[in-house]
Amino acid sequence: MKIVQPIRSKAKINEMKIELKKKGTRDYLLFVTGINTRIKNIRHHKIKSIRCIK
């Protein structure tokens, strides 16, 4: 099993946001929510319950 380290650099986080925003709003919002929320608060959500407003 590989060990994964969190992204700690603000520059890398901003790069990730830019790339995700290019691909679509949903993935960008999931990422931003994830990095700003404790995992125990979001783990009960399912992808189906998150809708993208266009």
N, C-alpha and C. Protein backbone atom coordinates (compact mmCIF):
# COMPACT_ATOMS: atom_id res chain seq x y z
N MET A 1 0.84 -1.17 0.00
CA MET A 1 0.00 0.00 0.00
C MET A 1 0.89 1.25 0.00
N LYS A 2 0.55 2.20 -0.86
CA LYS A 2 1.30 3.45 -0.92
C LYS A 2 0.81 4.42 0.15
N ILE A 3 1.73 5.20 0.66
CA ILE A 3 1.38 6.26 1.60
C ILE A 3 1.25 7.55 0.80
N VAL A 4 0.16 8.25 1.00
CA VAL A 4 -0.10 9.49 0.28
C VAL A 4 -0.02 10.66 1.25
N GLN A 5 0.72 11.66 0.88
CA GLN A 5 0.87 12.85 1.70
C GLN A 5 -0.07 13.95 1.20
N PRO A 6 -0.57 14.78 2.10
CA PRO A 6 -1.44 15.88 1.67
C PRO A 6 -0.66 16.96 0.94
N ILE A 7 -1.36 17.73 0.14
CA ILE A 7 -0.75 18.88 -0.52
C ILE A 7 -0.63 19.97 0.53
N ARG A 8 0.57 20.43 0.78
CA ARG A 8 0.79 21.42 1.83
C ARG A 8 1.07 22.83 1.27
N SER A 9 1.50 22.91 0.05
CA SER A 9 1.87 24.17 -0.56
C SER A 9 0.63 24.90 -1.09
N LYS A 10 0.51 26.17 -0.73
CA LYS A 10 -0.63 26.96 -1.24
C LYS A 10 -0.56 27.09 -2.76
N ALA A 11 0.64 27.18 -3.30
CA ALA A 11 0.80 27.28 -4.76
C ALA A 11 0.29 26.02 -5.45
N LYS A 12 0.60 24.84 -4.89
CA LYS A 12 0.13 23.57 -5.47
C LYS A 12 -1.39 23.45 -5.36
N ILE A 13 -1.95 23.92 -4.25
CA ILE A 13 -3.41 23.89 -4.08
C ILE A 13 -4.07 24.78 -5.12
N ASN A 14 -3.50 25.96 -5.35
CA ASN A 14 -4.06 26.87 -6.35
C ASN A 14 -3.93 26.28 -7.76
N GLU A 15 -2.82 25.59 -8.05
CA GLU A 15 -2.66 24.93 -9.34
C GLU A 15 -3.75 23.87 -9.53
N MET A 16 -3.99 23.11 -8.47
CA MET A 16 -5.00 22.07 -8.52
C MET A 16 -6.38 22.66 -8.76
N LYS A 17 -6.69 23.77 -8.10
CA LYS A 17 -7.97 24.44 -8.29
C LYS A 17 -8.15 24.87 -9.75
N ILE A 18 -7.10 25.43 -10.33
CA ILE A 18 -7.16 25.90 -11.72
C ILE A 18 -7.41 24.73 -12.67
N GLU A 19 -6.69 23.64 -12.48
CA GLU A 19 -6.86 22.47 -13.35
C GLU A 19 -8.25 21.86 -13.21
N LEU A 20 -8.73 21.77 -11.98
CA LEU A 20 -10.07 21.20 -11.76
C LEU A 20 -11.16 22.09 -12.34
N LYS A 21 -10.98 23.40 -12.24
CA LYS A 21 -11.98 24.32 -12.77
C LYS A 21 -12.06 24.22 -14.29
N LYS A 22 -10.92 23.91 -14.94
CA LYS A 22 -10.91 23.72 -16.39
C LYS A 22 -11.77 22.52 -16.79
N LYS A 23 -11.76 21.48 -15.95
CA LYS A 23 -12.49 20.24 -16.26
C LYS A 23 -13.96 20.33 -15.93
N GLY A 24 -14.33 21.17 -14.98
CA GLY A 24 -15.73 21.29 -14.63
C GLY A 24 -15.92 21.83 -13.23
N THR A 25 -17.09 22.35 -12.99
CA THR A 25 -17.40 22.98 -11.72
C THR A 25 -17.53 21.96 -10.59
N ARG A 26 -18.11 20.80 -10.86
CA ARG A 26 -18.37 19.81 -9.81
C ARG A 26 -17.08 19.38 -9.11
N ASP A 27 -16.08 18.98 -9.88
CA ASP A 27 -14.84 18.51 -9.28
C ASP A 27 -14.13 19.63 -8.51
N TYR A 28 -14.19 20.83 -9.05
CA TYR A 28 -13.61 21.99 -8.37
C TYR A 28 -14.28 22.22 -7.02
N LEU A 29 -15.62 22.20 -7.01
CA LEU A 29 -16.35 22.42 -5.77
C LEU A 29 -16.12 21.31 -4.75
N LEU A 30 -16.04 20.07 -5.22
CA LEU A 30 -15.73 18.96 -4.31
C LEU A 30 -14.36 19.13 -3.67
N PHE A 31 -13.39 19.54 -4.46
CA PHE A 31 -12.03 19.75 -3.95
C PHE A 31 -12.01 20.87 -2.92
N VAL A 32 -12.60 22.00 -3.26
CA VAL A 32 -12.61 23.15 -2.35
C VAL A 32 -13.35 22.81 -1.06
N THR A 33 -14.47 22.12 -1.18
CA THR A 33 -15.21 21.68 0.01
C THR A 33 -14.36 20.75 0.84
N GLY A 34 -13.70 19.82 0.19
CA GLY A 34 -12.88 18.84 0.89
C GLY A 34 -11.72 19.44 1.65
N ILE A 35 -11.05 20.44 1.06
CA ILE A 35 -9.89 21.02 1.74
C ILE A 35 -10.29 22.01 2.83
N ASN A 36 -11.56 22.42 2.82
CA ASN A 36 -12.02 23.37 3.83
C ASN A 36 -12.95 22.77 4.87
N THR A 37 -13.15 21.46 4.84
CA THR A 37 -14.08 20.80 5.74
C THR A 37 -13.41 19.58 6.36
N ARG A 38 -13.77 19.28 7.57
CA ARG A 38 -13.27 18.06 8.20
C ARG A 38 -13.91 16.86 7.52
N ILE A 39 -13.16 15.80 7.35
CA ILE A 39 -13.65 14.61 6.65
C ILE A 39 -14.86 14.01 7.33
N LYS A 40 -14.93 14.06 8.65
CA LYS A 40 -16.08 13.47 9.33
C LYS A 40 -17.38 14.21 9.00
N ASN A 41 -17.28 15.46 8.58
CA ASN A 41 -18.48 16.22 8.24
C ASN A 41 -18.97 15.95 6.82
N ILE A 42 -18.11 15.44 5.94
CA ILE A 42 -18.52 15.22 4.56
C ILE A 42 -18.60 13.76 4.16
N ARG A 43 -18.16 12.85 4.99
CA ARG A 43 -18.07 11.46 4.58
C ARG A 43 -19.41 10.80 4.34
N HIS A 44 -20.51 11.35 4.88
CA HIS A 44 -21.82 10.74 4.66
C HIS A 44 -22.45 11.17 3.35
N HIS A 45 -21.87 12.17 2.68
CA HIS A 45 -22.40 12.61 1.39
C HIS A 45 -22.03 11.62 0.29
N LYS A 46 -22.89 11.52 -0.69
CA LYS A 46 -22.61 10.69 -1.85
C LYS A 46 -22.50 11.59 -3.06
N ILE A 47 -21.75 11.14 -4.06
CA ILE A 47 -21.58 11.94 -5.28
C ILE A 47 -22.93 12.26 -5.90
N LYS A 48 -23.87 11.32 -5.85
CA LYS A 48 -25.20 11.56 -6.43
C LYS A 48 -25.92 12.72 -5.75
N SER A 49 -25.61 12.96 -4.49
CA SER A 49 -26.31 14.02 -3.75
C SER A 49 -25.76 15.42 -4.04
N ILE A 50 -24.64 15.48 -4.77
CA ILE A 50 -24.04 16.75 -5.10
C ILE A 50 -24.35 17.06 -6.55
N ARG A 51 -25.10 18.11 -6.76
CA ARG A 51 -25.50 18.47 -8.12
C ARG A 51 -24.82 19.75 -8.54
N CYS A 52 -24.53 19.83 -9.82
CA CYS A 52 -23.90 21.02 -10.38
C CYS A 52 -24.97 21.91 -10.97
N ILE A 53 -24.95 23.18 -10.60
CA ILE A 53 -25.90 24.15 -11.14
C ILE A 53 -25.24 24.84 -12.32
N LYS A 54 -25.91 24.79 -13.45
CA LYS A 54 -25.35 25.43 -14.67
C LYS A 54 -26.18 26.61 -15.07
